[in-house]
Amino acid sequence: MDRATKGTKIETRKQIAFDMLVKELRKEFGFLGYTQGYSKIRIFLENRDYEHTQGSVYTSKKTESFARTLKNLLDLRSEYKWIKNCSRKIHISEVPEIYEVTEFIVR
């Protein structure tokens, strides 16, 4: 959280990774409905110009400041109160470039 306290103004693409507590999601959404939590996060972030990269990882489509990314997460928490009890860890990373290499690996 060091960067949040420094208030950096560097704008890069950001990546947000969630490590969710399935047990807590099941308490919130039901045993079989726990994936609704993941869907709500996905829709929320896609509406804010993030793309679903894989699993519980989202990448901003445009560059943004750390403060903007953190604000998006605070808005997410305001919208979905359950997220604070259902999250084990949430990471923000700076992403200078992403290379799609799937075709080289799976062919």
N, C-alpha and C. Protein backbone atom coordinates (compact mmCIF):
# COMPACT_ATOMS: atom_id res chain seq x y z
N MET A 1 0.83 -1.19 0.00
CA MET A 1 0.00 0.00 0.00
C MET A 1 0.87 1.25 0.00
N ASP A 2 2.18 1.08 -0.07
CA ASP A 2 3.10 2.19 -0.05
C ASP A 2 2.80 3.20 -1.15
N ARG A 3 2.53 2.71 -2.34
CA ARG A 3 2.27 3.60 -3.46
C ARG A 3 1.01 4.42 -3.26
N ALA A 4 0.00 3.84 -2.61
CA ALA A 4 -1.25 4.56 -2.36
C ALA A 4 -0.98 5.76 -1.46
N THR A 5 -0.10 5.59 -0.49
CA THR A 5 0.19 6.69 0.42
C THR A 5 1.05 7.75 -0.23
N LYS A 6 1.84 7.37 -1.24
CA LYS A 6 2.67 8.34 -1.94
C LYS A 6 1.88 9.10 -3.00
N GLY A 7 0.76 8.55 -3.43
CA GLY A 7 -0.07 9.23 -4.42
C GLY A 7 0.59 9.37 -5.78
N THR A 8 1.19 8.32 -6.28
CA THR A 8 1.89 8.37 -7.56
C THR A 8 0.99 8.87 -8.68
N LYS A 9 1.59 9.56 -9.63
CA LYS A 9 0.83 10.08 -10.77
C LYS A 9 1.22 9.37 -12.06
N ILE A 10 2.02 8.30 -11.96
CA ILE A 10 2.44 7.55 -13.14
C ILE A 10 1.22 6.87 -13.75
N GLU A 11 1.05 7.04 -15.04
CA GLU A 11 -0.05 6.38 -15.72
C GLU A 11 0.49 5.26 -16.59
N THR A 12 0.05 4.05 -16.27
CA THR A 12 0.36 2.86 -17.04
C THR A 12 -0.91 2.03 -17.06
N ARG A 13 -0.91 1.01 -17.89
CA ARG A 13 -2.01 0.06 -17.79
C ARG A 13 -1.86 -0.66 -16.47
N LYS A 14 -2.99 -0.96 -15.84
CA LYS A 14 -2.97 -1.62 -14.55
C LYS A 14 -3.65 -2.97 -14.64
N GLN A 15 -3.21 -3.87 -13.77
CA GLN A 15 -3.83 -5.19 -13.68
C GLN A 15 -4.28 -5.39 -12.24
N ILE A 16 -5.50 -5.87 -12.08
CA ILE A 16 -6.06 -6.15 -10.77
C ILE A 16 -6.28 -7.65 -10.68
N ALA A 17 -5.74 -8.25 -9.62
CA ALA A 17 -5.90 -9.69 -9.40
C ALA A 17 -6.59 -9.91 -8.06
N PHE A 18 -7.63 -10.74 -8.09
CA PHE A 18 -8.40 -11.05 -6.89
C PHE A 18 -8.13 -12.50 -6.47
N ASP A 19 -7.94 -12.70 -5.19
CA ASP A 19 -7.91 -14.03 -4.60
C ASP A 19 -9.11 -14.07 -3.66
N MET A 20 -10.17 -14.72 -4.12
CA MET A 20 -11.44 -14.70 -3.39
C MET A 20 -11.56 -15.92 -2.47
N LEU A 21 -12.31 -15.75 -1.41
CA LEU A 21 -12.59 -16.82 -0.45
C LEU A 21 -13.90 -17.49 -0.85
N VAL A 22 -13.81 -18.65 -1.48
CA VAL A 22 -15.00 -19.34 -1.97
C VAL A 22 -15.97 -19.65 -0.84
N LYS A 23 -15.46 -20.03 0.31
CA LYS A 23 -16.31 -20.32 1.46
C LYS A 23 -17.19 -19.10 1.81
N GLU A 24 -16.60 -17.92 1.78
CA GLU A 24 -17.36 -16.70 2.09
C GLU A 24 -18.31 -16.35 0.95
N LEU A 25 -17.89 -16.56 -0.29
CA LEU A 25 -18.79 -16.32 -1.43
C LEU A 25 -20.01 -17.24 -1.34
N ARG A 26 -19.81 -18.47 -0.91
CA ARG A 26 -20.93 -19.41 -0.76
C ARG A 26 -21.88 -18.95 0.33
N LYS A 27 -21.36 -18.36 1.39
CA LYS A 27 -22.22 -17.81 2.43
C LYS A 27 -23.08 -16.67 1.87
N GLU A 28 -22.49 -15.89 1.01
CA GLU A 28 -23.18 -14.72 0.44
C GLU A 28 -24.17 -15.10 -0.65
N PHE A 29 -23.79 -16.03 -1.54
CA PHE A 29 -24.58 -16.31 -2.74
C PHE A 29 -25.16 -17.72 -2.79
N GLY A 30 -24.87 -18.53 -1.80
CA GLY A 30 -25.35 -19.90 -1.81
C GLY A 30 -24.28 -20.85 -2.32
N PHE A 31 -24.43 -22.11 -1.96
CA PHE A 31 -23.41 -23.11 -2.28
C PHE A 31 -23.11 -23.17 -3.77
N LEU A 32 -24.15 -23.24 -4.60
CA LEU A 32 -23.94 -23.35 -6.04
C LEU A 32 -23.87 -21.99 -6.73
N GLY A 33 -24.34 -20.94 -6.07
CA GLY A 33 -24.41 -19.62 -6.70
C GLY A 33 -23.21 -18.74 -6.44
N TYR A 34 -22.17 -19.28 -5.82
CA TYR A 34 -21.03 -18.46 -5.44
C TYR A 34 -20.36 -17.76 -6.62
N THR A 35 -20.50 -18.32 -7.81
CA THR A 35 -19.86 -17.71 -8.98
C THR A 35 -20.50 -16.37 -9.35
N GLN A 36 -21.65 -16.08 -8.79
CA GLN A 36 -22.28 -14.77 -9.03
C GLN A 36 -21.36 -13.64 -8.57
N GLY A 37 -20.62 -13.88 -7.49
CA GLY A 37 -19.67 -12.87 -7.02
C GLY A 37 -18.63 -12.54 -8.07
N TYR A 38 -18.08 -13.57 -8.69
CA TYR A 38 -17.10 -13.37 -9.76
C TYR A 38 -17.73 -12.62 -10.93
N SER A 39 -18.96 -12.97 -11.26
CA SER A 39 -19.65 -12.32 -12.38
C SER A 39 -19.89 -10.84 -12.10
N LYS A 40 -20.27 -10.52 -10.88
CA LYS A 40 -20.51 -9.12 -10.52
C LYS A 40 -19.23 -8.30 -10.61
N ILE A 41 -18.13 -8.86 -10.15
CA ILE A 41 -16.84 -8.17 -10.26
C ILE A 41 -16.49 -7.96 -11.72
N ARG A 42 -16.68 -8.98 -12.52
CA ARG A 42 -16.34 -8.89 -13.95
C ARG A 42 -17.15 -7.80 -14.64
N ILE A 43 -18.45 -7.80 -14.44
CA ILE A 43 -19.30 -6.79 -15.08
C ILE A 43 -18.92 -5.39 -14.60
N PHE A 44 -18.71 -5.24 -13.31
CA PHE A 44 -18.32 -3.95 -12.74
C PHE A 44 -17.06 -3.42 -13.42
N LEU A 45 -16.02 -4.25 -13.49
CA LEU A 45 -14.75 -3.80 -14.06
C LEU A 45 -14.82 -3.63 -15.58
N GLU A 46 -15.55 -4.48 -16.26
CA GLU A 46 -15.69 -4.30 -17.70
C GLU A 46 -16.40 -2.98 -18.02
N ASN A 47 -17.30 -2.56 -17.16
CA ASN A 47 -17.98 -1.27 -17.34
C ASN A 47 -17.05 -0.09 -17.07
N ARG A 48 -15.89 -0.36 -16.54
CA ARG A 48 -14.90 0.67 -16.26
C ARG A 48 -13.64 0.50 -17.12
N ASP A 49 -13.83 -0.09 -18.28
CA ASP A 49 -12.76 -0.23 -19.27
C ASP A 49 -11.64 -1.18 -18.87
N TYR A 50 -12.00 -2.26 -18.19
CA TYR A 50 -11.05 -3.33 -17.93
C TYR A 50 -11.46 -4.54 -18.75
N GLU A 51 -10.48 -5.33 -19.13
CA GLU A 51 -10.79 -6.57 -19.81
C GLU A 51 -10.46 -7.74 -18.89
N HIS A 52 -11.27 -8.76 -18.99
CA HIS A 52 -11.04 -9.98 -18.21
C HIS A 52 -9.91 -10.72 -18.88
N THR A 53 -8.78 -10.84 -18.19
CA THR A 53 -7.60 -11.46 -18.78
C THR A 53 -7.61 -12.96 -18.58
N GLN A 54 -7.82 -13.39 -17.35
CA GLN A 54 -7.93 -14.82 -17.03
C GLN A 54 -8.33 -14.96 -15.58
N GLY A 55 -9.01 -16.04 -15.26
CA GLY A 55 -9.40 -16.29 -13.87
C GLY A 55 -10.00 -15.07 -13.22
N SER A 56 -9.37 -14.58 -12.18
CA SER A 56 -9.82 -13.38 -11.48
C SER A 56 -8.84 -12.23 -11.70
N VAL A 57 -8.38 -12.09 -12.94
CA VAL A 57 -7.41 -11.05 -13.28
C VAL A 57 -8.03 -10.16 -14.36
N TYR A 58 -7.90 -8.85 -14.15
CA TYR A 58 -8.45 -7.85 -15.06
C TYR A 58 -7.37 -6.84 -15.39
N THR A 59 -7.34 -6.39 -16.65
CA THR A 59 -6.34 -5.44 -17.11
C THR A 59 -7.04 -4.23 -17.71
N SER A 60 -6.56 -3.04 -17.33
CA SER A 60 -7.15 -1.82 -17.87
C SER A 60 -6.86 -1.74 -19.37
N LYS A 61 -7.81 -1.26 -20.12
CA LYS A 61 -7.63 -1.11 -21.56
C LYS A 61 -6.79 0.11 -21.89
N LYS A 62 -6.79 1.09 -20.97
CA LYS A 62 -6.06 2.34 -21.18
C LYS A 62 -5.13 2.56 -19.99
N THR A 63 -4.21 3.47 -20.15
CA THR A 63 -3.36 3.83 -19.03
C THR A 63 -4.19 4.60 -18.00
N GLU A 64 -3.80 4.45 -16.74
CA GLU A 64 -4.46 5.19 -15.67
C GLU A 64 -3.51 5.29 -14.49
N SER A 65 -3.80 6.21 -13.60
CA SER A 65 -2.98 6.37 -12.40
C SER A 65 -3.32 5.30 -11.38
N PHE A 66 -2.41 5.10 -10.44
CA PHE A 66 -2.68 4.18 -9.34
C PHE A 66 -3.90 4.66 -8.55
N ALA A 67 -4.00 5.96 -8.37
CA ALA A 67 -5.14 6.52 -7.63
C ALA A 67 -6.46 6.18 -8.32
N ARG A 68 -6.50 6.23 -9.65
CA ARG A 68 -7.73 5.90 -10.39
C ARG A 68 -8.07 4.42 -10.19
N THR A 69 -7.06 3.56 -10.25
CA THR A 69 -7.30 2.13 -10.06
C THR A 69 -7.82 1.87 -8.66
N LEU A 70 -7.20 2.47 -7.69
CA LEU A 70 -7.65 2.31 -6.31
C LEU A 70 -9.06 2.84 -6.12
N LYS A 71 -9.38 3.95 -6.76
CA LYS A 71 -10.75 4.51 -6.70
C LYS A 71 -11.75 3.51 -7.28
N ASN A 72 -11.40 2.86 -8.38
CA ASN A 72 -12.29 1.85 -8.94
C ASN A 72 -12.55 0.72 -7.94
N LEU A 73 -11.51 0.31 -7.23
CA LEU A 73 -11.69 -0.74 -6.23
C LEU A 73 -12.52 -0.27 -5.04
N LEU A 74 -12.33 0.97 -4.65
CA LEU A 74 -13.16 1.51 -3.56
C LEU A 74 -14.62 1.63 -3.99
N ASP A 75 -14.84 1.99 -5.25
CA ASP A 75 -16.21 2.02 -5.78
C ASP A 75 -16.81 0.62 -5.81
N LEU A 76 -15.98 -0.37 -6.16
CA LEU A 76 -16.43 -1.76 -6.16
C LEU A 76 -16.87 -2.16 -4.75
N ARG A 77 -16.07 -1.80 -3.77
CA ARG A 77 -16.42 -2.12 -2.38
C ARG A 77 -17.71 -1.40 -1.95
N SER A 78 -17.89 -0.18 -2.39
CA SER A 78 -19.11 0.55 -2.06
C SER A 78 -20.33 -0.11 -2.68
N GLU A 79 -20.17 -0.56 -3.91
CA GLU A 79 -21.28 -1.20 -4.63
C GLU A 79 -21.60 -2.58 -4.06
N TYR A 80 -20.57 -3.33 -3.71
CA TYR A 80 -20.74 -4.70 -3.23
C TYR A 80 -20.09 -4.84 -1.86
N LYS A 81 -20.86 -4.60 -0.84
CA LYS A 81 -20.35 -4.63 0.54
C LYS A 81 -19.73 -5.98 0.90
N TRP A 82 -20.21 -7.06 0.27
CA TRP A 82 -19.74 -8.41 0.57
C TRP A 82 -18.27 -8.61 0.19
N ILE A 83 -17.74 -7.77 -0.68
CA ILE A 83 -16.40 -8.03 -1.21
C ILE A 83 -15.33 -8.00 -0.12
N LYS A 84 -15.53 -7.18 0.91
CA LYS A 84 -14.48 -7.11 1.94
C LYS A 84 -14.40 -8.38 2.76
N ASN A 85 -15.50 -9.11 2.90
CA ASN A 85 -15.47 -10.39 3.62
C ASN A 85 -15.09 -11.56 2.73
N CYS A 86 -15.20 -11.38 1.43
CA CYS A 86 -14.98 -12.48 0.49
C CYS A 86 -13.61 -12.42 -0.20
N SER A 87 -12.81 -11.42 0.12
CA SER A 87 -11.51 -11.26 -0.54
C SER A 87 -10.38 -11.69 0.39
N ARG A 88 -9.54 -12.57 -0.11
CA ARG A 88 -8.32 -12.93 0.64
C ARG A 88 -7.24 -11.89 0.36
N LYS A 89 -7.02 -11.62 -0.93
CA LYS A 89 -6.04 -10.62 -1.35
C LYS A 89 -6.51 -9.98 -2.65
N ILE A 90 -6.14 -8.72 -2.82
CA ILE A 90 -6.37 -8.01 -4.08
C ILE A 90 -5.07 -7.28 -4.39
N HIS A 91 -4.54 -7.53 -5.58
CA HIS A 91 -3.28 -6.91 -5.99
C HIS A 91 -3.49 -5.99 -7.18
N ILE A 92 -2.76 -4.90 -7.20
CA ILE A 92 -2.69 -4.03 -8.37
C ILE A 92 -1.26 -4.10 -8.88
N SER A 93 -1.11 -4.32 -10.18
CA SER A 93 0.21 -4.35 -10.82
C SER A 93 0.22 -3.37 -11.97
N GLU A 94 1.40 -2.84 -12.26
CA GLU A 94 1.58 -2.03 -13.46
C GLU A 94 1.95 -2.96 -14.60
N VAL A 95 1.33 -2.74 -15.75
CA VAL A 95 1.53 -3.63 -16.90
C VAL A 95 2.05 -2.80 -18.07
N PRO A 96 3.35 -2.86 -18.31
CA PRO A 96 3.87 -2.08 -19.43
C PRO A 96 3.42 -2.62 -20.79
N GLU A 97 3.48 -3.94 -20.96
CA GLU A 97 3.05 -4.56 -22.22
C GLU A 97 2.59 -5.98 -21.95
N ILE A 98 1.67 -6.45 -22.78
CA ILE A 98 1.18 -7.82 -22.69
C ILE A 98 1.34 -8.47 -24.06
N TYR A 99 1.86 -9.68 -24.07
CA TYR A 99 2.06 -10.40 -25.32
C TYR A 99 1.21 -11.66 -25.31
N GLU A 100 0.41 -11.85 -26.29
CA GLU A 100 -0.42 -13.06 -26.43
C GLU A 100 0.43 -14.13 -27.11
N VAL A 101 0.74 -15.20 -26.40
CA VAL A 101 1.61 -16.25 -26.93
C VAL A 101 0.95 -17.62 -26.94
N THR A 102 -0.33 -17.66 -26.70
CA THR A 102 -1.04 -18.93 -26.60
C THR A 102 -0.80 -19.81 -27.81
N GLU A 103 -0.90 -19.23 -29.00
CA GLU A 103 -0.77 -20.05 -30.21
C GLU A 103 0.59 -20.74 -30.31
N PHE A 104 1.62 -20.15 -29.76
CA PHE A 104 2.94 -20.76 -29.79
C PHE A 104 3.06 -21.92 -28.80
N ILE A 105 2.29 -21.88 -27.76
CA ILE A 105 2.39 -22.88 -26.70
C ILE A 105 1.47 -24.08 -26.97
N VAL A 106 0.26 -23.82 -27.48
CA VAL A 106 -0.73 -24.89 -27.59
C VAL A 106 -0.77 -25.58 -28.95
N ARG A 107 -0.01 -25.14 -29.90
CA ARG A 107 -0.08 -25.81 -31.21
C ARG A 107 0.75 -27.05 -31.28
